[in-house]
Protein backbone atom coordinates (compact mmCIF):
# COMPACT_ATOMS: atom_id res chain seq x y z
CA MET A 1 0.00 0.00 0.00
CA LYS A 2 1.42 3.38 -0.98
CA PHE A 3 0.25 6.77 0.28
CA ASN A 4 1.71 9.68 -1.72
CA CYS A 5 0.13 12.82 -4.26
CA SER A 6 1.33 24.24 -6.17
CA SER A 7 1.81 29.37 -6.06
CA GLN A 8 -0.34 31.79 -4.46
CA PHE A 9 -3.28 32.70 -6.53
CA ARG A 10 -4.79 29.49 -7.81
CA ARG A 11 -7.61 27.90 -5.93
CA HIS A 12 -9.67 30.67 -4.29
CA LYS A 13 -12.13 32.44 -6.61
CA ALA A 14 -15.25 33.11 -4.57
CA ARG A 15 -18.70 32.90 -6.17
CA THR A 16 -20.99 35.87 -6.35
CA TRP A 17 -23.36 34.86 -3.57
CA VAL A 18 -20.70 34.62 -0.85
CA LEU A 19 -20.64 37.29 1.84
CA GLY A 20 -19.21 40.65 0.86
CA ALA A 21 -16.18 40.47 3.12
CA THR A 22 -15.27 37.06 1.77
CA ILE A 23 -15.65 38.30 -1.80
CA ILE A 24 -13.14 41.06 -1.12
CA PHE A 25 -10.74 38.62 0.47
CA PHE A 26 -10.79 36.14 -2.38
CA LEU A 27 -10.87 38.56 -5.28
CA PHE A 28 -8.19 40.93 -4.05
CA SER A 29 -5.60 38.66 -2.44
CA PRO A 30 -2.93 36.48 -4.08
CA LEU A 31 -4.65 33.22 -3.18
CA ARG A 32 -5.74 30.30 -5.32
CA ALA A 33 -9.25 29.28 -6.22
CA TRP A 34 -11.59 26.64 -4.86
CA SER A 35 -11.55 23.04 -5.96
CA TRP A 36 -14.73 21.40 -7.28
CA GLY A 37 -16.79 24.02 -5.42
CA CYS A 38 -19.37 23.11 -2.80
CA GLU A 39 -21.35 20.72 -4.98
CA GLY A 40 -18.37 18.71 -6.18
CA HIS A 41 -16.82 18.11 -2.77
CA GLN A 42 -20.20 17.29 -1.26
CA ALA A 43 -20.89 14.77 -4.02
CA VAL A 44 -17.54 13.07 -3.35
CA ALA A 45 -18.39 12.69 0.36
CA LEU A 46 -21.89 11.42 -0.39
CA ILE A 47 -20.57 8.83 -2.83
CA ALA A 48 -17.89 7.76 -0.34
CA GLU A 49 -20.53 7.07 2.30
CA LYS A 50 -22.19 4.60 -0.06
CA HIS A 51 -18.99 2.56 -0.27
CA MET A 52 -17.78 2.74 3.31
CA THR A 53 -18.25 -0.22 5.60
CA PRO A 54 -20.76 0.35 8.40
CA HIS A 55 -17.88 0.25 10.89
CA ALA A 56 -15.79 2.86 9.03
CA LEU A 57 -18.79 5.15 8.61
CA GLU A 58 -19.66 4.81 12.27
CA LYS A 59 -16.09 5.61 13.37
CA ALA A 60 -15.88 8.61 11.03
CA ASN A 61 -19.17 10.05 12.26
CA GLU A 62 -18.23 9.37 15.87
CA LEU A 63 -14.98 11.33 15.49
CA LEU A 64 -16.58 14.23 13.63
CA GLN A 65 -19.38 14.48 16.18
CA SER A 66 -17.07 14.34 19.19
CA GLU A 67 -14.78 17.07 17.77
CA PRO A 68 -17.13 19.40 15.84
CA ILE A 69 -16.16 22.21 13.52
CA ASP A 70 -15.52 25.47 15.35
CA SER A 71 -18.85 27.30 15.35
CA SER A 72 -17.05 30.65 14.98
CA LEU A 73 -15.50 29.61 11.66
CA SER A 74 -17.04 31.44 8.72
CA ARG A 75 -18.33 28.79 6.30
CA TYR A 76 -18.34 29.39 2.56
CA CYS A 77 -20.66 26.53 1.62
CA PRO A 78 -24.15 26.15 3.11
CA SER A 79 -24.13 23.39 5.72
CA GLN A 80 -27.77 23.23 6.72
CA GLY A 81 -29.26 19.79 6.20
CA LEU A 82 -25.93 18.08 5.45
CA ASP A 83 -24.60 15.08 7.35
CA LEU A 84 -21.26 15.28 9.15
CA MET A 85 -19.02 13.96 6.39
CA THR A 86 -20.68 15.99 3.67
CA ASP A 87 -20.49 19.19 5.72
CA SER A 88 -16.85 18.43 6.52
CA SER A 89 -15.97 18.03 2.84
CA THR A 90 -15.61 21.79 2.28
CA TRP A 91 -14.12 22.69 5.68
CA ALA A 92 -10.52 22.82 4.40
CA ASP A 93 -11.45 25.68 2.06
CA ASP A 94 -12.67 27.74 5.02
CA LEU A 95 -9.23 27.84 6.65
CA ARG A 96 -7.52 30.16 4.19
CA SER A 97 -7.08 33.05 6.62
CA SER A 98 -6.75 31.12 9.89
CA ARG A 99 -4.29 28.51 8.58
CA PRO A 100 -2.50 30.05 5.58
CA GLU A 101 0.21 27.40 5.80
CA ALA A 102 -2.37 24.90 4.54
CA SER A 103 -3.07 26.77 1.29
CA PRO A 104 -0.38 24.97 -0.78
CA TRP A 105 -1.73 21.62 0.38
CA HIS A 106 -4.61 21.65 -2.10
CA TYR A 107 -2.67 21.14 -5.34
CA ILE A 108 0.56 20.10 -7.00
CA ASP A 109 2.03 21.98 -9.96
CA ILE A 110 3.14 19.33 -12.44
CA PRO A 111 4.07 21.08 -15.72
CA ARG A 112 2.06 20.21 -18.79
CA ASN A 113 3.56 17.36 -20.79
CA ALA A 114 5.89 16.44 -17.93
CA PRO A 115 7.05 12.80 -18.24
CA ARG A 116 5.79 10.53 -15.51
CA GLY A 117 8.22 10.03 -12.67
CA SER A 118 8.77 11.07 -9.08
CA LEU A 119 6.63 13.95 -7.84
CA ALA A 120 9.25 15.13 -5.34
CA GLU A 121 10.57 17.93 -7.58
CA PHE A 122 7.07 19.37 -7.97
CA CYS A 123 6.20 19.28 -4.26
CA PRO A 124 7.91 22.14 -2.37
CA ALA A 125 8.93 22.15 1.27
CA THR A 126 5.68 23.96 2.11
CA GLY A 127 3.80 20.87 0.97
CA CYS A 128 1.41 19.91 -1.81
CA VAL A 129 -1.74 17.82 -2.11
CA THR A 130 0.06 14.48 -2.32
CA SER A 131 2.31 15.07 0.68
CA ALA A 132 -0.48 16.68 2.70
CA LEU A 133 -2.91 13.85 2.00
CA THR A 134 -0.28 11.29 2.99
CA GLN A 135 0.52 13.12 6.22
CA GLN A 136 -3.12 13.58 7.18
CA ILE A 137 -3.86 9.90 6.53
CA GLU A 138 -1.07 8.94 8.90
CA LEU A 139 -2.32 11.37 11.57
CA LEU A 140 -5.80 9.92 11.24
CA ARG A 141 -4.51 6.36 11.38
CA ASP A 142 -2.52 6.96 14.58
CA GLU A 143 -4.83 6.53 17.56
CA ALA A 144 -2.29 8.41 19.71
CA THR A 145 -3.04 11.60 17.77
CA GLU A 146 -4.98 14.15 19.82
CA PRO A 147 -8.73 13.76 19.10
CA HIS A 148 -9.17 17.28 17.69
CA MET A 149 -6.16 16.74 15.40
CA ARG A 150 -7.58 13.41 14.25
CA ALA A 151 -10.92 15.05 13.44
CA ASP A 152 -9.15 17.79 11.49
CA ALA A 153 -7.08 15.14 9.72
CA LEU A 154 -10.27 13.35 8.68
CA ARG A 155 -11.71 16.60 7.32
CA PHE A 156 -8.49 17.24 5.40
CA VAL A 157 -8.52 13.71 3.98
CA ILE A 158 -12.13 14.04 2.82
CA HIS A 159 -11.26 17.30 1.07
CA PHE A 160 -7.84 16.45 -0.34
CA VAL A 161 -9.01 13.24 -2.02
CA GLY A 162 -11.55 15.40 -3.84
CA ASP A 163 -8.91 18.02 -4.72
CA LEU A 164 -6.61 15.36 -6.12
CA HIS A 165 -9.27 14.29 -8.62
CA GLN A 166 -9.77 17.79 -10.06
CA PRO A 167 -7.32 17.64 -13.01
CA LEU A 168 -6.36 21.31 -12.74
CA HIS A 169 -5.07 20.65 -9.23
CA CYS A 170 -2.39 18.42 -10.74
CA VAL A 171 -1.07 20.59 -13.54
CA SER A 172 0.28 24.02 -14.35
CA ASN A 173 1.06 25.66 -17.67
CA ASN A 174 2.56 28.63 -15.79
CA ASP A 175 -1.12 29.52 -15.42
CA GLU A 176 -1.92 28.64 -11.80
CA GLY A 177 -3.79 25.53 -12.80
CA GLY A 178 -5.92 27.35 -15.37
CA ASN A 179 -6.65 30.39 -13.19
CA CYS A 180 -4.68 32.52 -15.64
CA VAL A 181 -6.73 31.43 -18.66
CA PRO A 182 -9.64 33.89 -19.03
CA ILE A 183 -12.76 32.27 -20.46
CA ILE A 184 -15.83 33.64 -22.23
CA PHE A 185 -18.33 31.28 -20.61
CA PHE A 186 -21.65 30.98 -22.45
CA GLY A 187 -21.25 34.57 -23.60
CA LYS A 188 -20.13 35.97 -20.24
CA ALA A 189 -16.91 37.86 -20.88
CA PRO A 190 -14.03 37.61 -18.41
CA MET A 191 -13.61 40.62 -16.13
CA LEU A 192 -10.41 41.86 -14.49
CA LYS A 193 -10.82 41.11 -10.78
CA ASN A 194 -7.35 41.95 -9.51
CA GLU A 195 -5.18 44.36 -11.45
CA GLN A 196 -2.01 43.68 -9.49
CA PHE A 197 -2.17 39.93 -10.08
CA GLN A 198 -3.89 40.28 -13.49
CA ALA A 199 -6.63 37.91 -12.38
CA TYR A 200 -9.70 37.39 -14.55
CA ALA A 201 -13.02 35.61 -14.01
CA PRO A 202 -14.44 33.46 -15.43
CA ASN A 203 -11.30 31.45 -16.04
CA LEU A 204 -10.52 27.85 -16.92
CA HIS A 205 -10.06 26.77 -13.32
CA SER A 206 -13.22 28.40 -12.03
CA ILE A 207 -15.44 26.87 -14.69
CA TRP A 208 -14.08 23.42 -13.87
CA ASP A 209 -14.59 24.03 -10.15
CA THR A 210 -18.18 25.17 -10.29
CA SER A 211 -19.72 26.41 -13.54
CA ILE A 212 -19.53 23.15 -15.48
CA ILE A 213 -20.63 21.12 -12.45
CA LEU A 214 -23.67 23.32 -11.91
CA ARG A 215 -24.69 22.75 -15.54
CA LEU A 216 -24.22 19.00 -15.24
CA LYS A 217 -26.03 18.81 -11.91
CA GLY A 218 -29.00 20.89 -13.06
CA THR A 219 -31.88 21.05 -10.60
CA ALA A 220 -31.00 17.82 -8.79
CA THR A 221 -30.10 17.98 -5.12
CA GLU A 222 -26.55 17.08 -4.10
CA ALA A 223 -27.80 13.72 -2.81
CA GLN A 224 -29.74 12.98 -6.01
CA TRP A 225 -26.80 13.94 -8.19
CA ALA A 226 -24.32 11.91 -6.13
CA GLY A 227 -26.63 8.91 -6.31
CA ALA A 228 -26.94 9.24 -10.08
CA LEU A 229 -23.15 9.46 -10.49
CA ASP A 230 -22.62 6.46 -8.25
CA GLN A 231 -25.12 4.41 -10.24
CA LYS A 232 -23.66 5.56 -13.58
CA TYR A 233 -20.22 4.22 -12.68
CA SER A 234 -21.27 1.23 -10.60
CA SER A 235 -19.69 -1.20 -13.08
CA SER A 236 -16.29 0.49 -12.61
CA VAL A 237 -16.20 0.37 -8.81
CA SER A 238 -14.65 -3.08 -8.58
CA ALA A 239 -11.75 -2.14 -10.87
CA TRP A 240 -11.12 1.10 -8.95
CA GLU A 241 -11.07 -0.78 -5.68
CA LYS A 242 -8.67 -3.37 -7.04
CA GLY A 243 -6.36 -0.53 -8.05
CA GLY A 244 -5.69 0.17 -4.39
CA VAL A 245 -4.69 3.37 -2.65
CA HIS A 246 -1.82 4.97 -4.57
CA VAL A 247 -1.86 8.72 -4.14
CA GLU A 248 0.91 9.52 -6.62
CA ASP A 249 -0.85 7.44 -9.28
CA TRP A 250 -4.01 9.47 -8.71
CA ALA A 251 -2.06 12.70 -9.23
CA TRP A 252 -0.57 11.49 -12.50
CA GLU A 253 -4.00 10.33 -13.59
CA GLY A 254 -5.39 13.85 -13.06
CA HIS A 255 -2.40 15.34 -14.83
CA ALA A 256 -3.01 13.08 -17.83
CA LEU A 257 -6.63 14.24 -18.00
CA ALA A 258 -5.51 17.87 -18.01
CA ASP A 259 -3.19 17.08 -20.92
CA SER A 260 -5.73 15.00 -22.84
CA VAL A 261 -9.07 16.64 -22.03
CA VAL A 262 -9.02 19.95 -20.14
CA TYR A 263 -6.70 21.89 -22.46
CA PRO A 264 -7.07 20.02 -25.79
CA LYS A 265 -10.88 20.27 -25.83
CA LEU A 266 -10.77 24.07 -25.69
CA PRO A 267 -11.73 25.71 -29.00
CA VAL A 268 -8.44 27.63 -29.25
CA ALA A 269 -5.24 25.65 -28.77
CA ILE A 270 -3.10 26.78 -25.84
CA PRO A 271 0.62 26.20 -26.40
CA VAL A 272 2.65 24.42 -23.75
CA GLU A 273 4.66 27.04 -21.87
CA LYS A 274 8.29 26.52 -20.87
CA ALA A 275 7.92 25.59 -17.22
CA MET A 276 8.95 28.26 -14.74
CA PRO A 277 7.90 29.24 -11.21
CA VAL A 278 5.05 31.76 -11.09
CA LYS A 279 3.40 33.55 -8.20
CA SER A 280 0.53 35.21 -10.05
CA CYS A 281 -1.02 35.64 -13.48
CA ALA A 282 1.21 38.67 -14.02
CA ASP A 283 4.26 36.39 -14.26
CA ASP A 284 5.60 34.54 -17.30
CA ASN A 285 5.39 37.66 -19.44
CA HIS A 286 1.86 38.49 -18.25
CA VAL A 287 0.46 35.05 -18.97
CA SER A 288 -3.19 35.93 -18.32
CA THR A 289 -3.03 38.96 -20.62
CA ARG A 290 -1.59 36.75 -23.35
CA MET A 291 -4.28 34.13 -22.77
CA LEU A 292 -6.98 36.80 -22.81
CA LYS A 293 -6.02 37.60 -26.40
CA LEU A 294 -6.98 34.06 -27.42
CA HIS A 295 -10.66 34.93 -26.81
CA GLU A 296 -11.30 31.43 -25.49
CA GLN A 297 -15.05 30.79 -25.71
CA VAL A 298 -16.63 27.90 -23.85
CA SER A 299 -20.20 26.83 -24.51
CA GLN A 300 -22.21 23.61 -24.59
CA GLY A 301 -19.83 21.86 -26.97
CA TYR A 302 -16.96 22.02 -24.48
CA VAL A 303 -19.20 21.07 -21.56
CA ASP A 304 -20.40 17.99 -23.45
CA ALA A 305 -16.83 17.07 -24.39
CA VAL A 306 -15.48 17.20 -20.83
CA ALA A 307 -18.57 15.92 -18.98
CA PRO A 308 -17.45 12.27 -18.98
CA ALA A 309 -14.14 13.20 -17.35
CA VAL A 310 -15.79 15.45 -14.75
CA ASN A 311 -18.40 12.87 -13.81
CA GLU A 312 -15.99 9.96 -13.65
CA GLN A 313 -13.44 11.86 -11.55
CA LEU A 314 -16.09 12.75 -8.98
CA ALA A 315 -17.38 9.19 -8.78
CA LYS A 316 -13.85 7.80 -8.62
CA ALA A 317 -12.90 10.25 -5.86
CA GLY A 318 -15.84 9.09 -3.78
CA VAL A 319 -14.97 5.42 -4.15
CA ARG A 320 -11.30 6.05 -3.41
CA LEU A 321 -12.10 8.16 -0.34
CA ALA A 322 -14.12 5.22 0.95
CA MET A 323 -11.16 2.93 0.27
CA VAL A 324 -8.86 5.13 2.36
CA LEU A 325 -11.28 5.28 5.29
CA ASN A 326 -12.12 1.57 5.11
CA GLN A 327 -8.42 0.82 5.45
CA ILE A 328 -8.05 3.13 8.45
CA TRP A 329 -11.07 1.55 10.18
CA PRO A 330 -11.15 -2.06 8.90
């Protein structure tokens, strides 16, 4: 059994309905955007529950109930009516200001077209999603870990398994995992949200996080949608389970999808950039400004083309999360 699977702006674009103070924080700070959004992470948790053993599910709920989420923490995603695991699935995205050291833990910047090999060179000392997931699994596994740390570790594990299956969390084209690729989404033109960091929305990362998912989900509830995804891929579950828990393999799998689906299916080809470290979309010769000039337009054709990958990654993440937790609580 093997447990293994980055820059400042990528995973934190807030959606329009979030509280005003949070909007300011996410749109005007050099932080990265969300992963899968509320609906995606919640679907992963709901699918996982369907594949967990009764014992593992009982132990997970017992831990989460005994060490609840701090009631003073400002929550981005609505939690009313959600069970403990599903509510916990988005908790790690609420820690951006209180635990900034955890921000790099949500992704790993593997350059486009990088040959498969060790991930060590792409995972900095501050951590990345593969190292963080591995560490949190070990904290959760160790019964000597303080209860509140074990509960936090469980919440991190629930979230990071989901992050790892969002392809743009396992790739960078000097573009912050697609955050520096402005997108005209169903006619909505990208707007400059942060002049200093040359950040635009919508962008490639944000539409994969939320916009595409919302179109695929439609009017279904999170539970209905998760159930439909689980049923759709029921014939694949056995093969995924036989594949075992291999975090680095999951990262390379997401990277391959970025190279074969996320970028190639766009209507305008995006060249592979010469890999270099970037801290914002203003770097690499103003990468977002250069991408803006491509006038990348996404509509139903792109959504249809990437839907199979989105759906399968969410279902696979749920099954694999259950595998991790079933191993911790056999």
